[in-house]
C-alpha atoms as a PDB file:
ATOM      1  CA  MET A   1      18.086 -20.105  39.856  1.00  0.00           C
ATOM      2  CA  PHE A   2      15.194 -22.090  41.341  1.00  0.00           C
ATOM      3  CA  ILE A   3      12.996 -18.988  41.532  1.00  0.00           C
ATOM      4  CA  LEU A   4      13.606 -18.179  37.863  1.00  0.00           C
ATOM      5  CA  PHE A   5      12.858 -21.780  36.849  1.00  0.00           C
ATOM      6  CA  SER A   6       9.655 -21.768  38.921  1.00  0.00           C
ATOM      7  CA  PHE A   7       8.538 -18.480  37.392  1.00  0.00           C
ATOM      8  CA  LEU A   8       9.155 -19.677  33.832  1.00  0.00           C
ATOM      9  CA  SER A   9       7.518 -23.038  34.524  1.00  0.00           C
ATOM     10  CA  CYS A  10       4.364 -21.489  35.943  1.00  0.00           C
ATOM     11  CA  ASN A  11       4.062 -19.050  33.040  1.00  0.00           C
ATOM     12  CA  SER A  12       4.479 -21.760  30.419  1.00  0.00           C
ATOM     13  CA  PHE A  13       1.027 -23.211  31.123  1.00  0.00           C
ATOM     14  CA  LEU A  14      -1.382 -21.714  28.642  1.00  0.00           C
ATOM     15  CA  SER A  15      -5.016 -21.177  29.432  1.00  0.00           C
ATOM     16  CA  LYS A  16      -8.073 -20.612  27.294  1.00  0.00           C
ATOM     17  CA  GLU A  17      -8.241 -17.061  28.648  1.00  0.00           C
ATOM     18  CA  ASN A  18      -4.785 -16.285  27.226  1.00  0.00           C
ATOM     19  CA  GLU A  19      -5.790 -17.677  23.843  1.00  0.00           C
ATOM     20  CA  LYS A  20      -9.147 -15.893  23.534  1.00  0.00           C
ATOM     21  CA  SER A  21      -7.642 -12.521  22.649  1.00  0.00           C
ATOM     22  CA  PHE A  22      -6.010 -14.076  19.565  1.00  0.00           C
ATOM     23  CA  VAL A  23      -9.166 -15.795  18.271  1.00  0.00           C
ATOM     24  CA  LYS A  24     -10.418 -13.320  15.665  1.00  0.00           C
ATOM     25  CA  LYS A  25     -10.116 -12.303  12.024  1.00  0.00           C
ATOM     26  CA  TYR A  26      -6.926 -10.680  10.748  1.00  0.00           C
ATOM     27  CA  ARG A  27      -6.353  -8.879   7.473  1.00  0.00           C
ATOM     28  CA  LEU A  28      -3.687 -10.674   5.407  1.00  0.00           C
ATOM     29  CA  LEU A  29      -1.382  -8.517   3.278  1.00  0.00           C
ATOM     30  CA  LYS A  30       0.460 -11.192   1.263  1.00  0.00           C
ATOM     31  CA  LEU A  31      -0.362 -14.796   0.429  1.00  0.00           C
ATOM     32  CA  ASP A  32       2.316 -17.067  -1.049  1.00  0.00           C
ATOM     33  CA  GLY A  33       4.439 -14.091  -2.093  1.00  0.00           C
ATOM     34  CA  GLU A  34       1.630 -12.184  -3.825  1.00  0.00           C
ATOM     35  CA  ILE A  35      -0.081  -9.034  -2.534  1.00  0.00           C
ATOM     36  CA  CYS A  36      -3.671  -9.898  -1.684  1.00  0.00           C
ATOM     37  CA  ASN A  37      -6.193  -7.133  -1.085  1.00  0.00           C
ATOM     38  CA  THR A  38      -9.091  -9.519  -0.460  1.00  0.00           C
ATOM     39  CA  CYS A  39      -7.420 -11.982   1.932  1.00  0.00           C
ATOM     40  CA  PHE A  40      -8.002 -12.531   5.610  1.00  0.00           C
ATOM     41  CA  ILE A  41      -7.262 -15.162   8.236  1.00  0.00           C
ATOM     42  CA  ASP A  42      -9.818 -16.478  10.685  1.00  0.00           C
ATOM     43  CA  VAL A  43      -8.039 -17.793  13.815  1.00  0.00           C
ATOM     44  CA  GLN A  44     -10.360 -20.285  15.486  1.00  0.00           C
ATOM     45  CA  GLU A  45     -10.481 -21.826  18.961  1.00  0.00           C
ATOM     46  CA  ASN A  46      -9.538 -25.310  17.736  1.00  0.00           C
ATOM     47  CA  TYR A  47      -5.918 -24.241  16.987  1.00  0.00           C
ATOM     48  CA  ILE A  48      -6.701 -24.021  13.276  1.00  0.00           C
ATOM     49  CA  TYR A  49      -6.702 -20.875  11.203  1.00  0.00           C
ATOM     50  CA  LYS A  50      -8.492 -20.606   7.882  1.00  0.00           C
ATOM     51  CA  ILE A  51      -7.327 -18.519   4.941  1.00  0.00           C
ATOM     52  CA  PHE A  52      -9.943 -16.690   2.890  1.00  0.00           C
ATOM     53  CA  LYS A  53      -9.578 -14.969  -0.472  1.00  0.00           C
ATOM     54  CA  ASN A  54     -12.553 -13.220  -2.064  1.00  0.00           C
ATOM     55  CA  GLU A  55     -14.702 -14.583   0.797  1.00  0.00           C
ATOM     56  CA  LYS A  56     -13.847 -18.201  -0.163  1.00  0.00           C
ATOM     57  CA  GLU A  57     -11.846 -20.527   2.056  1.00  0.00           C
ATOM     58  CA  ILE A  58      -8.671 -21.467   0.206  1.00  0.00           C
ATOM     59  CA  GLY A  59      -6.492 -23.006   2.913  1.00  0.00           C
ATOM     60  CA  LYS A  60      -5.784 -23.529   6.567  1.00  0.00           C
ATOM     61  CA  GLY A  61      -2.990 -24.034   9.038  1.00  0.00           C
ATOM     62  CA  GLU A  62      -2.243 -24.490  12.709  1.00  0.00           C
ATOM     63  CA  TRP A  63      -1.569 -21.837  15.321  1.00  0.00           C
ATOM     64  CA  ASN A  64      -0.500 -21.548  18.953  1.00  0.00           C
ATOM     65  CA  ILE A  65       0.629 -18.917  21.395  1.00  0.00           C
ATOM     66  CA  THR A  66       3.913 -18.657  23.190  1.00  0.00           C
ATOM     67  CA  LEU A  67       5.383 -16.579  25.985  1.00  0.00           C
ATOM     68  CA  PRO A  68       8.720 -15.135  24.841  1.00  0.00           C
ATOM     69  CA  ILE A  69      11.286 -14.227  27.458  1.00  0.00           C
ATOM     70  CA  ASP A  70      11.822 -10.749  25.974  1.00  0.00           C
ATOM     71  CA  TYR A  71       8.154  -9.667  25.934  1.00  0.00           C
ATOM     72  CA  PRO A  72       5.778  -9.493  28.929  1.00  0.00           C
ATOM     73  CA  GLY A  73       2.829 -11.199  27.219  1.00  0.00           C
ATOM     74  CA  TYR A  74       1.775 -13.922  24.846  1.00  0.00           C
ATOM     75  CA  VAL A  75       2.305 -13.773  21.088  1.00  0.00           C
ATOM     76  CA  LEU A  76       0.669 -15.646  18.223  1.00  0.00           C
ATOM     77  CA  LYS A  77       2.612 -18.129  16.092  1.00  0.00           C
ATOM     78  CA  LEU A  78       1.113 -19.164  12.754  1.00  0.00           C
ATOM     79  CA  GLU A  79       2.142 -22.150  10.671  1.00  0.00           C
ATOM     80  CA  ASN A  80       3.769 -20.677   7.514  1.00  0.00           C
ATOM     81  CA  GLY A  81       3.407 -17.214   9.036  1.00  0.00           C
ATOM     82  CA  PRO A  82       5.831 -14.439   9.893  1.00  0.00           C
ATOM     83  CA  LYS A  83       8.664 -15.092  12.316  1.00  0.00           C
ATOM     84  CA  CYS A  84       8.119 -11.755  14.048  1.00  0.00           C
ATOM     85  CA  MET A  85       5.901 -11.474  17.106  1.00  0.00           C
ATOM     86  CA  ILE A  86       2.161 -11.075  16.545  1.00  0.00           C
ATOM     87  CA  TYR A  87       0.614  -9.343  19.546  1.00  0.00           C
ATOM     88  CA  ASP A  88      -2.972  -9.738  20.759  1.00  0.00           C
ATOM     89  CA  SER A  89      -3.657  -6.117  19.733  1.00  0.00           C
ATOM     90  CA  ASP A  90      -2.608  -6.726  16.112  1.00  0.00           C
ATOM     91  CA  THR A  91      -5.257  -6.920  13.382  1.00  0.00           C
ATOM     92  CA  ILE A  92      -2.991  -7.345  10.350  1.00  0.00           C
ATOM     93  CA  ILE A  93      -0.771 -10.295   9.428  1.00  0.00           C
ATOM     94  CA  ASP A  94       2.115  -9.487   7.077  1.00  0.00           C
ATOM     95  CA  TYR A  95       2.101 -12.777   5.199  1.00  0.00           C
ATOM     96  CA  ILE A  96       1.362 -16.461   4.996  1.00  0.00           C
ATOM     97  CA  ASP A  97       3.693 -18.318   2.672  1.00  0.00           C
ATOM     98  CA  ARG A  98       2.762 -21.941   1.976  1.00  0.00           C
ATOM     99  CA  ARG A  99       5.264 -22.395  -0.850  1.00  0.00           C
ATOM    100  CA  LYS A 100       8.011 -24.949  -0.333  1.00  0.00           C
ATOM    101  CA  PHE A 101      11.497 -23.817  -1.214  1.00  0.00           C
ATOM    102  CA  TYR A 102      14.062 -26.422  -2.201  1.00  0.00           C
ATOM    103  CA  LYS A 103      17.750 -25.738  -2.673  1.00  0.00           C
END
């Protein structure tokens, strides 16, 4: 039990090196429920990502990386982004949905 806790504790410390592979531009397929052929996301080192449409910045959000227990590496988590894992080798983001749904 102690060994597992120690392993998980040591791996939970993120470093700039782990984050660097996620800092890049990603093609964005859908924005706020609409297909967008001219959208992309620019993930920046300051834990902010910017949303661009037709080369114009139209929004931003926060990001971080996490180390899931069922995958041997880090994955990207985007505010208002998909719940699935985004790997460092990915170049496409399925969606960003900034709409607020009320029941």
